[in-house]
N, C-alpha and C. Protein backbone atom coordinates (compact mmCIF):
# COMPACT_ATOMS: atom_id res chain seq x y z
N MET A 1 0.35 -1.31 0.17
CA MET A 1 -0.08 0.04 0.52
C MET A 1 0.91 1.66 0.02
N ALA A 2 2.03 1.06 0.39
CA ALA A 2 3.09 2.14 0.55
C ALA A 2 3.35 2.94 -0.30
N LYS A 3 3.68 1.84 -2.14
CA LYS A 3 3.92 2.41 -2.94
C LYS A 3 2.87 2.73 -4.14
N PHE A 4 1.88 2.32 -3.54
CA PHE A 4 -0.01 3.53 -3.67
C PHE A 4 0.54 4.81 -3.44
N TRP A 5 0.35 5.06 -2.23
CA TRP A 5 0.36 6.18 -1.91
C TRP A 5 2.20 7.33 -2.41
N LEU A 6 2.95 6.50 -2.73
CA LEU A 6 4.15 7.10 -3.33
C LEU A 6 3.93 7.44 -4.52
N LEU A 7 3.14 6.98 -5.70
CA LEU A 7 2.73 7.11 -6.69
C LEU A 7 1.50 7.96 -7.03
N ILE A 8 0.44 8.15 -6.23
CA ILE A 8 -0.25 9.62 -6.06
C ILE A 8 0.65 10.57 -5.30
N TYR A 9 1.60 10.32 -4.42
CA TYR A 9 2.02 11.73 -4.08
C TYR A 9 3.56 11.19 -3.77
N PRO A 10 4.02 11.79 -5.20
CA PRO A 10 5.23 11.86 -4.88
C PRO A 10 6.29 12.48 -4.05
N GLU A 11 5.53 13.73 -3.87
CA GLU A 11 6.35 14.22 -2.31
C GLU A 11 7.00 13.67 -1.07
N LEU A 12 6.02 12.43 -0.99
CA LEU A 12 6.32 11.37 0.14
C LEU A 12 7.72 11.27 0.22
N THR A 13 8.18 10.81 -1.23
CA THR A 13 9.83 10.59 -0.87
C THR A 13 10.38 11.36 -0.62
N ARG A 14 10.25 12.62 0.11
CA ARG A 14 11.00 13.62 0.75
C ARG A 14 10.97 14.12 1.66
N ILE A 15 9.54 13.03 2.57
CA ILE A 15 9.65 13.42 4.01
C ILE A 15 10.26 11.39 4.51
N PRO A 16 10.75 12.13 5.75
CA PRO A 16 11.40 11.00 6.14
C PRO A 16 10.05 9.53 6.33
N GLN A 17 10.88 8.78 6.27
CA GLN A 17 9.29 7.50 6.11
C GLN A 17 8.99 7.57 7.86
N ARG A 18 9.32 7.47 8.56
CA ARG A 18 8.51 7.62 10.02
C ARG A 18 7.46 8.72 10.20
N GLU A 19 7.71 9.93 9.64
CA GLU A 19 6.85 11.06 9.40
C GLU A 19 6.03 10.92 8.40
N ARG A 20 5.77 10.31 7.88
CA ARG A 20 5.19 10.09 6.44
C ARG A 20 3.40 10.19 6.93
N ASP A 21 3.46 8.96 8.07
CA ASP A 21 1.79 9.03 8.30
C ASP A 21 1.67 10.05 9.26
N ALA A 22 2.10 11.20 9.73
CA ALA A 22 1.77 12.08 10.50
C ALA A 22 1.32 13.55 9.56
N VAL A 23 2.23 13.51 8.28
CA VAL A 23 2.02 14.59 7.26
C VAL A 23 1.55 14.16 6.27
N LEU A 24 1.15 13.56 6.13
CA LEU A 24 0.02 13.12 5.14
C LEU A 24 -1.45 13.14 5.46
N GLY A 25 -1.44 12.61 6.93
CA GLY A 25 -2.51 13.04 7.77
C GLY A 25 -3.06 14.47 8.10
N SER A 26 -1.92 15.20 8.31
CA SER A 26 -2.31 16.69 8.46
C SER A 26 -2.44 17.48 6.78
N ALA A 27 -1.83 17.18 5.91
CA ALA A 27 -2.00 17.27 4.46
C ALA A 27 -3.24 17.28 3.78
N ARG A 28 -4.00 15.98 4.47
CA ARG A 28 -5.51 16.01 4.33
C ARG A 28 -6.23 16.48 4.88
N ALA A 29 -5.95 16.92 5.63
CA ALA A 29 -6.78 18.54 6.90
C ALA A 29 -6.28 19.61 6.13
N THR A 30 -5.42 19.89 5.05
CA THR A 30 -5.89 21.19 4.11
C THR A 30 -7.10 21.27 4.03
N PRO A 31 -7.28 23.35 3.91
CA PRO A 31 -9.04 23.41 3.57
C PRO A 31 -8.97 23.05 2.20
N PHE A 32 -10.21 22.99 1.28
CA PHE A 32 -10.29 22.91 -0.06
C PHE A 32 -10.41 24.41 -0.38
N ASP A 33 -9.83 24.29 -1.76
CA ASP A 33 -10.01 25.92 -2.03
C ASP A 33 -11.27 25.71 -3.24
N GLY A 34 -11.68 27.45 -3.72
CA GLY A 34 -12.55 27.21 -4.67
C GLY A 34 -12.97 26.36 -5.88
N LEU A 35 -11.88 26.05 -6.37
CA LEU A 35 -11.65 25.49 -7.68
C LEU A 35 -12.26 24.07 -7.11
N GLU A 36 -11.51 23.63 -6.34
CA GLU A 36 -12.33 21.79 -5.38
C GLU A 36 -13.74 21.88 -5.36
N LEU A 37 -14.15 23.36 -4.42
CA LEU A 37 -15.44 23.22 -4.21
C LEU A 37 -16.17 23.25 -5.04
N ALA A 38 -15.94 23.99 -5.77
CA ALA A 38 -16.74 23.86 -7.34
C ALA A 38 -17.04 22.34 -8.00
N ALA A 39 -15.64 22.31 -8.43
CA ALA A 39 -15.31 20.87 -9.04
C ALA A 39 -16.13 19.82 -7.94
N ILE A 40 -16.01 19.18 -6.65
CA ILE A 40 -16.52 18.62 -6.39
C ILE A 40 -18.32 18.33 -6.26
N ALA A 41 -18.65 19.87 -6.28
CA ALA A 41 -19.96 19.87 -6.70
C ALA A 41 -20.78 19.65 -7.62
N LEU A 42 -19.94 20.29 -8.49
CA LEU A 42 -20.28 19.25 -9.84
C LEU A 42 -20.50 17.92 -10.05
N GLY A 43 -19.22 17.31 -10.08
CA GLY A 43 -19.17 15.86 -9.66
C GLY A 43 -20.29 14.91 -9.15
N LEU A 44 -20.74 15.67 -7.38
CA LEU A 44 -21.96 15.17 -7.04
C LEU A 44 -23.10 15.22 -8.01
N ALA A 45 -23.60 16.70 -8.18
CA ALA A 45 -24.34 17.28 -8.93
C ALA A 45 -24.40 16.28 -10.32
N LEU A 46 -23.43 15.95 -11.18
CA LEU A 46 -23.39 14.78 -12.52
C LEU A 46 -23.63 13.34 -12.08
N THR A 47 -23.15 12.85 -10.63
CA THR A 47 -23.42 11.69 -10.56
C THR A 47 -24.77 11.15 -9.88
N ALA A 48 -25.46 12.63 -9.53
CA ALA A 48 -27.04 12.33 -9.17
C ALA A 48 -27.31 12.29 -10.11
N GLY A 49 -27.74 13.57 -11.04
CA GLY A 49 -28.23 13.24 -12.65
C GLY A 49 -27.99 12.20 -12.79
N ALA A 50 -26.98 11.45 -13.10
CA ALA A 50 -26.85 10.13 -13.78
C ALA A 50 -27.50 9.03 -12.91
N THR A 51 -28.01 8.99 -11.89
CA THR A 51 -27.77 8.09 -11.15
C THR A 51 -29.63 7.66 -10.32
N ARG A 52 -30.54 8.40 -11.17
CA ARG A 52 -31.86 8.95 -11.06
C ARG A 52 -32.65 8.09 -11.76
N TYR A 53 -33.54 7.56 -10.88
CA TYR A 53 -34.22 6.41 -11.32
C TYR A 53 -35.72 6.38 -10.95
N VAL A 54 -36.36 6.32 -11.90
CA VAL A 54 -38.01 6.22 -11.73
C VAL A 54 -38.24 4.95 -10.58
N VAL A 55 -38.95 5.36 -9.57
CA VAL A 55 -39.94 4.22 -8.59
C VAL A 55 -40.59 3.92 -9.20
N PHE A 56 -40.52 2.45 -8.89
CA PHE A 56 -41.11 1.46 -9.69
C PHE A 56 -42.30 0.92 -8.85
N ASP A 57 -43.65 -0.06 -8.92
CA ASP A 57 -43.92 -0.43 -8.29
C ASP A 57 -43.14 -1.73 -7.28
N GLY A 58 -43.55 -2.09 -6.33
CA GLY A 58 -42.36 -3.13 -6.07
C GLY A 58 -41.07 -3.49 -4.85
N LEU A 59 -41.22 -3.85 -4.51
CA LEU A 59 -39.75 -3.57 -3.27
C LEU A 59 -38.60 -4.23 -4.17
N THR A 60 -38.68 -5.39 -4.85
CA THR A 60 -37.63 -5.98 -5.64
C THR A 60 -37.20 -4.78 -6.79
N HIS A 61 -37.91 -4.12 -7.51
CA HIS A 61 -37.87 -3.62 -8.24
C HIS A 61 -37.40 -2.07 -7.56
N ARG A 62 -37.31 -1.85 -6.67
CA ARG A 62 -36.20 -0.63 -6.21
C ARG A 62 -34.96 -0.69 -5.15
N ILE A 63 -35.15 -2.04 -4.70
CA ILE A 63 -33.72 -2.91 -4.73
C ILE A 63 -32.96 -3.12 -5.93
N GLU A 64 -33.44 -3.82 -6.49
CA GLU A 64 -32.27 -3.34 -7.73
C GLU A 64 -31.99 -2.20 -8.39
N ALA A 65 -33.17 -1.53 -8.41
CA ALA A 65 -32.61 -0.11 -9.17
C ALA A 65 -31.85 0.72 -8.18
N PHE A 66 -31.70 0.33 -6.56
CA PHE A 66 -30.66 1.20 -5.90
C PHE A 66 -29.55 0.98 -6.31
N LEU A 67 -29.20 -0.69 -6.02
CA LEU A 67 -28.49 -1.74 -6.39
C LEU A 67 -27.12 -1.08 -7.45
N ALA A 68 -28.11 -1.08 -8.44
CA ALA A 68 -27.58 -0.24 -10.10
C ALA A 68 -27.26 1.12 -9.91
N ASN A 69 -27.38 1.91 -9.50
CA ASN A 69 -27.34 3.29 -8.60
C ASN A 69 -26.05 3.30 -7.83
N PHE A 70 -26.06 2.61 -7.11
CA PHE A 70 -24.57 2.57 -6.09
C PHE A 70 -23.98 1.86 -7.15
N LEU A 71 -23.78 1.19 -7.12
CA LEU A 71 -22.62 0.48 -8.70
C LEU A 71 -22.25 1.15 -9.76
N LEU A 72 -23.11 2.22 -10.28
CA LEU A 72 -22.94 3.15 -11.33
C LEU A 72 -22.05 4.46 -10.40
N ALA A 73 -22.74 4.87 -8.96
CA ALA A 73 -22.31 5.99 -8.99
C ALA A 73 -21.15 6.04 -7.90
N VAL A 74 -20.54 5.07 -7.17
CA VAL A 74 -18.84 4.72 -6.97
C VAL A 74 -17.88 4.91 -7.87
N PRO A 75 -18.02 4.70 -8.59
CA PRO A 75 -17.08 4.66 -9.64
C PRO A 75 -16.80 6.06 -10.31
N LEU A 76 -18.49 6.48 -10.73
CA LEU A 76 -18.36 8.24 -11.26
C LEU A 76 -18.12 9.30 -10.08
N LEU A 77 -17.86 9.05 -8.84
CA LEU A 77 -17.55 9.96 -7.52
C LEU A 77 -16.28 9.71 -7.49
N ALA A 78 -15.36 8.36 -7.85
CA ALA A 78 -13.94 8.57 -7.72
C ALA A 78 -13.46 9.21 -9.08
N VAL A 79 -14.17 9.28 -10.05
CA VAL A 79 -13.65 9.59 -11.35
C VAL A 79 -14.00 11.38 -11.15
N LEU A 80 -14.85 11.70 -10.82
CA LEU A 80 -15.06 12.91 -11.08
C LEU A 80 -14.60 13.94 -9.91
N ALA A 81 -14.94 13.13 -8.45
CA ALA A 81 -14.90 13.98 -7.72
C ALA A 81 -13.15 13.87 -6.73
N GLY A 82 -12.61 12.39 -6.47
CA GLY A 82 -11.65 12.08 -6.59
C GLY A 82 -10.00 12.74 -6.75
N PRO A 83 -10.07 12.83 -8.10
CA PRO A 83 -8.83 13.76 -8.13
C PRO A 83 -8.78 15.44 -7.59
N PHE A 84 -10.14 15.97 -7.35
CA PHE A 84 -9.44 17.16 -6.14
C PHE A 84 -9.56 16.67 -4.66
N PHE A 85 -9.86 15.31 -4.42
CA PHE A 85 -9.22 15.15 -2.71
C PHE A 85 -7.85 15.09 -3.15
N ILE A 86 -7.07 14.62 -4.22
CA ILE A 86 -5.97 14.31 -3.90
C ILE A 86 -5.03 15.36 -4.47
N ARG A 87 -5.65 16.34 -5.24
CA ARG A 87 -5.37 17.65 -5.25
C ARG A 87 -4.84 18.68 -4.23
N ARG A 88 -6.04 18.52 -3.44
CA ARG A 88 -5.70 18.75 -1.93
C ARG A 88 -4.96 18.74 -1.15
N THR A 89 -4.79 17.21 -0.69
CA THR A 89 -3.59 16.73 0.06
C THR A 89 -2.58 16.82 -0.64
N ARG A 90 -1.77 16.80 -2.14
CA ARG A 90 -0.94 17.12 -2.50
C ARG A 90 -0.46 19.56 -2.60
N ARG A 91 -1.49 19.45 -2.58
CA ARG A 91 -1.26 21.12 -1.78
C ARG A 91 -0.64 20.85 -0.33
N GLY A 92 -1.04 20.62 -0.12
CA GLY A 92 -1.09 20.48 1.59
C GLY A 92 0.72 19.84 1.74
N LEU A 93 0.84 18.86 1.39
CA LEU A 93 2.14 17.91 1.09
C LEU A 93 3.62 19.26 0.45
N HIS A 94 2.79 20.09 -0.53
CA HIS A 94 3.74 21.26 -1.23
C HIS A 94 3.64 22.37 -0.03
N HIS A 95 3.17 22.56 0.30
CA HIS A 95 3.03 23.35 1.95
C HIS A 95 3.98 23.13 3.21
N TYR A 96 3.84 21.75 3.23
CA TYR A 96 4.58 21.74 4.48
C TYR A 96 5.74 21.44 3.88
N LEU A 97 6.27 20.73 2.85
CA LEU A 97 7.57 21.33 2.25
C LEU A 97 8.01 22.52 2.06
N THR A 98 7.21 23.61 2.08
CA THR A 98 7.84 24.62 1.95
C THR A 98 8.01 25.25 3.24
N GLU A 99 7.43 24.66 4.01
CA GLU A 99 7.80 25.40 5.42
C GLU A 99 8.94 24.66 6.03
N HIS A 100 9.10 23.67 5.57
CA HIS A 100 9.72 22.77 5.99
C HIS A 100 10.82 22.47 5.19
N PRO A 101 11.32 23.22 4.94
CA PRO A 101 12.89 22.52 3.63
C PRO A 101 14.10 21.97 3.54
N GLN A 102 14.02 21.71 5.21
CA GLN A 102 14.74 20.85 5.60
C GLN A 102 14.76 19.54 5.78
N ARG A 103 13.53 19.38 5.90
CA ARG A 103 12.97 17.67 5.52
C ARG A 103 13.23 17.52 4.25
N GLY A 104 12.83 18.26 2.49
CA GLY A 104 12.94 17.43 1.80
C GLY A 104 14.52 17.63 1.54
N ALA A 105 15.33 18.34 1.87
CA ALA A 105 16.79 18.48 0.92
C ALA A 105 17.45 17.34 2.33
N ARG A 106 17.01 16.74 3.23
CA ARG A 106 17.63 15.54 4.12
C ARG A 106 17.32 14.51 3.27
N GLU A 107 15.94 14.17 2.48
CA GLU A 107 16.24 13.63 2.27
C GLU A 107 16.50 12.63 0.58
N GLN A 108 16.60 13.84 0.30
CA GLN A 108 17.10 13.86 -1.63
C GLN A 108 18.67 13.62 -1.84
């Protein structure tokens, strides 16, 4: 799993191994900027529009519609909104590295 995070957040290679979890946690607490909030809202709206369904008579049809919508919504949200969560965390990591230049220089 650690290699996965290094692919998404290459900035982590400049941070000592023992500090990565704490730094990543604080980077994830970085507030969203306006572009990220707008893009996430748009992704939610598009996903909601794509997963609308007509209520059918009978419980079986409702359960089937719910499951189909859920299976469609999860990847749509991951594709439409997920990159903006990654962007926010990368901004937080960049901010950390600019505030702590000795951390980045030590690992290079």
